[in-house]
Amino acid sequence: MSTPINLSKVKKERNRASRKARADENAVSFGQSKPQKEVLKARLEKIARNLEAHKRET
């Protein structure tokens, strides 16, 4: 006789797998790669330095 299976565990595992698949799809479509993030960070830092350099002293 085979061992009984817990249907709630099977259901939970199936839900986890589907959520993981959806998260992976969203990461591909909405996420940014590490080089893209570094370029954006460098650009923001340059803008901040430029703004700081052009402030007037009062």
C-alpha atoms as a PDB file:
ATOM      1  CA  MET A   1       0.000   0.000   0.000  1.00  0.00           C
ATOM      2  CA  SER A   2       1.354   3.435  -0.859  1.00  0.00           C
ATOM      3  CA  THR A   3       1.819   6.079   1.738  1.00  0.00           C
ATOM      4  CA  PRO A   4      -0.976   8.637   2.133  1.00  0.00           C
ATOM      5  CA  ILE A   5      -0.276  12.145   0.915  1.00  0.00           C
ATOM      6  CA  ASN A   6      -1.297  15.298   2.650  1.00  0.00           C
ATOM      7  CA  LEU A   7      -3.308  17.257   0.104  1.00  0.00           C
ATOM      8  CA  SER A   8      -2.837  20.585   1.855  1.00  0.00           C
ATOM      9  CA  LYS A   9       0.949  20.194   1.629  1.00  0.00           C
ATOM     10  CA  VAL A  10       0.675  19.404  -2.080  1.00  0.00           C
ATOM     11  CA  LYS A  11      -1.539  22.445  -2.593  1.00  0.00           C
ATOM     12  CA  LYS A  12       0.850  24.705  -0.664  1.00  0.00           C
ATOM     13  CA  GLU A  13       3.832  23.447  -2.646  1.00  0.00           C
ATOM     14  CA  ARG A  14       2.007  24.018  -5.940  1.00  0.00           C
ATOM     15  CA  ASN A  15       1.117  27.584  -4.834  1.00  0.00           C
ATOM     16  CA  ARG A  16       4.723  28.261  -3.840  1.00  0.00           C
ATOM     17  CA  ALA A  17       5.944  27.068  -7.216  1.00  0.00           C
ATOM     18  CA  SER A  18       3.469  29.267  -9.098  1.00  0.00           C
ATOM     19  CA  ARG A  19       4.347  32.326  -6.974  1.00  0.00           C
ATOM     20  CA  LYS A  20       8.053  31.689  -7.575  1.00  0.00           C
ATOM     21  CA  ALA A  21       7.480  31.423 -11.328  1.00  0.00           C
ATOM     22  CA  ARG A  22       5.482  34.679 -11.343  1.00  0.00           C
ATOM     23  CA  ALA A  23       8.181  36.410  -9.286  1.00  0.00           C
ATOM     24  CA  ASP A  24      10.858  35.272 -11.734  1.00  0.00           C
ATOM     25  CA  GLU A  25       8.825  36.593 -14.664  1.00  0.00           C
ATOM     26  CA  ASN A  26       8.381  39.944 -12.925  1.00  0.00           C
ATOM     27  CA  ALA A  27      12.075  40.142 -12.100  1.00  0.00           C
ATOM     28  CA  VAL A  28      12.894  39.705 -15.769  1.00  0.00           C
ATOM     29  CA  SER A  29      10.385  42.262 -16.994  1.00  0.00           C
ATOM     30  CA  PHE A  30      10.669  44.895 -14.242  1.00  0.00           C
ATOM     31  CA  GLY A  31      14.053  44.335 -12.663  1.00  0.00           C
ATOM     32  CA  GLN A  32      17.297  46.030 -13.531  1.00  0.00           C
ATOM     33  CA  SER A  33      20.610  44.311 -13.954  1.00  0.00           C
ATOM     34  CA  LYS A  34      23.486  45.198 -11.643  1.00  0.00           C
ATOM     35  CA  PRO A  35      25.388  47.213 -14.289  1.00  0.00           C
ATOM     36  CA  GLN A  36      22.253  49.247 -14.993  1.00  0.00           C
ATOM     37  CA  LYS A  37      21.858  49.992 -11.281  1.00  0.00           C
ATOM     38  CA  GLU A  38      25.517  51.049 -11.028  1.00  0.00           C
ATOM     39  CA  VAL A  39      25.182  53.393 -14.015  1.00  0.00           C
ATOM     40  CA  LEU A  40      22.072  54.974 -12.492  1.00  0.00           C
ATOM     41  CA  LYS A  41      23.788  55.361  -9.110  1.00  0.00           C
ATOM     42  CA  ALA A  42      26.856  56.978 -10.706  1.00  0.00           C
ATOM     43  CA  ARG A  43      24.652  59.367 -12.677  1.00  0.00           C
ATOM     44  CA  LEU A  44      22.751  60.406  -9.536  1.00  0.00           C
ATOM     45  CA  GLU A  45      26.002  60.933  -7.630  1.00  0.00           C
ATOM     46  CA  LYS A  46      27.351  63.124 -10.459  1.00  0.00           C
ATOM     47  CA  ILE A  47      24.175  65.227 -10.434  1.00  0.00           C
ATOM     48  CA  ALA A  48      24.438  65.637  -6.648  1.00  0.00           C
ATOM     49  CA  ARG A  49      28.111  66.684  -6.879  1.00  0.00           C
ATOM     50  CA  ASN A  50      27.315  69.148  -9.670  1.00  0.00           C
ATOM     51  CA  LEU A  51      24.463  70.662  -7.664  1.00  0.00           C
ATOM     52  CA  GLU A  52      26.636  70.931  -4.555  1.00  0.00           C
ATOM     53  CA  ALA A  53      29.422  72.614  -6.529  1.00  0.00           C
ATOM     54  CA  HIS A  54      27.071  75.278  -7.886  1.00  0.00           C
ATOM     55  CA  LYS A  55      25.493  76.295  -4.596  1.00  0.00           C
ATOM     56  CA  ARG A  56      26.052  79.833  -3.454  1.00  0.00           C
ATOM     57  CA  GLU A  57      27.570  80.609  -0.121  1.00  0.00           C
ATOM     58  CA  THR A  58      25.423  82.908   1.924  1.00  0.00           C
END
